[in-house]
Protein backbone atom coordinates (compact mmCIF):
# COMPACT_ATOMS: atom_id res chain seq x y z
CA MET A 1 59.15 127.90 56.17
CA THR A 2 59.67 130.55 58.79
CA LYS A 3 59.42 129.96 62.51
CA PHE A 4 56.23 132.08 62.53
CA ASP A 5 54.67 129.80 59.88
CA GLN A 6 55.58 126.73 61.94
CA GLN A 7 54.01 128.23 65.04
CA LYS A 8 50.87 129.13 63.08
CA ILE A 9 50.54 125.54 61.81
CA CYS A 10 51.09 124.24 65.34
CA VAL A 11 48.32 126.47 66.71
CA GLN A 12 45.96 125.40 63.90
CA MET A 13 46.70 121.72 64.61
CA THR A 14 46.09 122.27 68.32
CA ILE A 15 42.74 123.92 67.63
CA GLN A 16 41.77 121.14 65.20
CA PHE A 17 42.79 118.49 67.71
CA ALA A 18 40.82 120.18 70.49
CA LEU A 19 37.74 120.47 68.27
CA ALA A 20 38.01 116.86 67.10
CA ILE A 21 38.40 115.57 70.67
CA ALA A 22 35.50 117.72 71.90
CA LEU A 23 33.19 116.44 69.15
CA HIS A 24 34.30 112.87 69.79
CA GLN A 25 33.63 113.17 73.51
CA LEU A 26 30.24 114.77 72.88
CA GLY A 27 29.21 111.88 70.64
CA THR A 28 30.47 109.37 73.21
CA ILE A 29 28.61 110.98 76.09
CA ILE A 30 25.34 111.09 74.15
CA TRP A 31 25.52 107.49 72.95
CA ILE A 32 27.04 105.69 75.93
CA GLY A 33 25.22 107.89 78.44
CA GLY A 34 21.93 107.25 76.69
CA MET A 35 22.45 103.49 76.77
CA PHE A 36 23.37 103.68 80.46
CA PHE A 37 20.22 105.70 81.18
CA ALA A 38 17.98 103.35 79.18
CA HIS A 39 19.42 100.23 80.75
CA SER A 40 19.95 101.38 84.33
CA ALA A 41 17.19 103.91 84.99
CA LEU A 42 14.33 103.84 82.49
CA ARG A 43 14.08 100.06 82.28
CA LEU A 44 14.04 99.53 86.03
CA PHE A 45 11.45 102.21 86.73
CA ALA A 46 9.18 101.26 83.83
CA ARG A 47 9.32 97.55 84.65
CA ARG A 48 8.41 98.09 88.31
CA LYS A 49 5.77 100.79 87.95
CA LEU A 50 4.00 100.33 84.60
CA ASP A 51 2.02 97.56 83.01
CA PRO A 52 2.96 96.52 79.45
CA ALA A 53 0.24 98.68 77.84
CA GLN A 54 1.83 101.76 79.45
CA ARG A 55 5.48 100.66 79.55
CA LEU A 56 5.95 99.60 75.95
CA PRO A 57 4.60 102.80 74.32
CA LEU A 58 6.70 104.84 76.75
CA VAL A 59 9.86 102.89 75.92
CA LEU A 60 9.07 103.15 72.21
CA ALA A 61 8.70 106.93 72.47
CA VAL A 62 11.99 107.22 74.39
CA PHE A 63 13.84 105.02 71.89
CA ARG A 64 12.36 106.85 68.93
CA ARG A 65 13.84 110.09 70.26
CA PHE A 66 17.08 108.49 71.51
CA PHE A 67 17.80 106.73 68.22
CA ILE A 68 17.73 110.06 66.36
CA HIS A 69 20.49 111.21 68.69
CA VAL A 70 22.38 107.93 68.27
CA TRP A 71 22.43 108.30 64.48
CA ILE A 72 23.89 111.80 64.89
CA ALA A 73 26.33 110.66 67.58
CA ALA A 74 27.47 107.71 65.45
CA ALA A 75 28.20 109.98 62.49
CA LEU A 76 29.97 112.43 64.79
CA LEU A 77 32.05 109.66 66.36
CA TRP A 78 33.11 108.11 63.06
CA VAL A 79 33.99 111.44 61.45
CA SER A 80 35.82 112.83 64.49
CA GLY A 81 37.49 109.47 65.17
CA PHE A 82 39.00 109.28 61.71
CA TRP A 83 39.83 112.97 61.88
CA ILE A 84 41.80 112.33 65.07
CA ALA A 85 43.38 109.07 63.92
CA GLY A 86 44.14 110.08 60.35
CA GLY A 87 45.01 113.70 60.84
CA ILE A 88 46.76 113.69 64.14
CA TYR A 89 48.05 110.24 65.08
CA ARG A 90 48.85 108.90 61.61
CA PRO A 91 51.57 106.22 61.82
CA ASP A 92 52.12 106.77 65.54
CA MET A 93 48.81 105.18 66.48
CA GLY A 94 49.15 102.65 69.25
CA TRP A 95 47.34 99.34 69.45
CA HIS A 96 44.70 100.97 71.66
CA VAL A 97 43.55 103.17 68.74
CA TYR A 98 43.11 100.11 66.52
CA ALA A 99 41.24 98.39 69.36
CA MET A 100 38.93 101.43 69.69
CA ILE A 101 38.24 101.34 65.95
CA LEU A 102 37.38 97.63 66.18
CA LEU A 103 35.12 98.23 69.19
CA ALA A 104 33.46 101.16 67.37
CA LEU A 105 32.78 98.89 64.40
CA LEU A 106 31.23 96.22 66.65
CA ILE A 107 29.17 98.81 68.53
CA SER A 108 27.92 100.31 65.26
CA ILE A 109 27.01 96.93 63.76
CA LEU A 110 25.17 95.97 66.93
CA PHE A 111 23.29 99.28 66.93
CA PHE A 112 22.30 98.81 63.26
CA PHE A 113 21.00 95.35 64.14
CA ILE A 114 19.07 96.63 67.17
CA TYR A 115 17.52 99.40 65.10
CA LEU A 116 16.76 97.37 61.98
CA VAL A 117 15.47 94.16 63.55
CA PRO A 118 14.09 94.05 67.11
CA TYR A 119 13.23 97.76 67.34
CA ARG A 120 11.32 97.81 64.05
CA ILE A 121 9.47 94.63 64.94
CA MET A 122 8.69 95.96 68.41
CA ARG A 123 7.28 99.15 66.86
CA LYS A 124 4.90 97.15 64.69
CA LEU A 125 3.84 94.91 67.57
CA ILE A 126 3.13 97.89 69.81
CA ALA A 127 1.02 99.45 67.04
CA VAL A 128 -1.24 96.38 67.06
CA GLN A 129 -1.03 96.11 70.87
CA ASP A 130 0.60 92.68 70.91
CA TRP A 131 2.17 93.29 74.31
CA PRO A 132 3.68 89.83 74.97
CA ALA A 133 5.47 89.71 71.60
CA ALA A 134 6.62 93.33 71.93
CA GLU A 135 7.98 92.53 75.40
CA VAL A 136 10.07 89.70 73.92
CA ARG A 137 11.66 92.16 71.48
CA LEU A 138 12.26 94.66 74.27
CA VAL A 139 14.06 92.01 76.34
CA LEU A 140 16.28 91.22 73.35
CA MET A 141 17.00 94.92 72.87
CA ARG A 142 17.85 95.28 76.57
CA ARG A 143 20.40 92.46 76.35
CA LEU A 144 21.94 93.90 73.21
CA PHE A 145 22.05 97.35 74.81
CA LEU A 146 23.95 95.85 77.73
CA VAL A 147 26.51 94.27 75.38
CA ASN A 148 26.83 97.56 73.49
CA LEU A 149 27.15 99.49 76.73
CA LEU A 150 29.97 97.23 77.92
CA LEU A 151 31.74 97.52 74.54
CA GLY A 152 31.29 101.29 74.70
CA LEU A 153 32.71 101.49 78.21
CA ALA A 154 35.72 99.44 77.06
CA ALA A 155 36.24 101.85 74.15
CA VAL A 156 35.95 104.85 76.48
CA SER A 157 38.51 103.28 78.82
CA LEU A 158 40.94 102.76 75.95
CA GLY A 159 40.32 106.29 74.73
CA SER A 160 41.02 107.85 78.08
CA ALA A 161 43.87 105.66 79.32
CA GLY A 162 45.07 103.57 76.38
CA TYR A 163 47.93 105.89 75.54
CA LEU A 164 49.39 105.23 78.99
CA LEU A 165 49.70 101.57 78.03
CA GLN A 166 51.83 102.64 75.07
CA GLN A 167 54.50 104.22 77.28
CA LYS A 168 57.82 102.43 77.08
């Protein structure tokens, strides 16, 4: 292999790494940012200003749209995450990468649960205007969002600074 070929491979790896990181960060911003917005802004405003008959359909409409983006972000994060870990780090992965993978698995499982159980039930309850029961599901979702948000922030922290903990 010539020196030119080695440089060409290095440039291609750098471009791939940059693309993988950019896609991973985009997915992270959409998912974690959306949870932060839902928990810290939407919930507080809706709870203070709207009665359940207005609040719950609004929240449902926001989640319906947000969850489409979460499904895309989740796929983007898993694909780009394994692209980064498998194609770039390989055996040199530090413990922080394994911790991020574990956190990502927990976050994903929790999201699947939120989507498949309380969200679906809440949707049906809102359709029949059972506001008290729908509110119970929304409170459960809020608590699970908070757990997922905290797990996501831990993963982001490891992603941005974890490699510094690997320095010897």
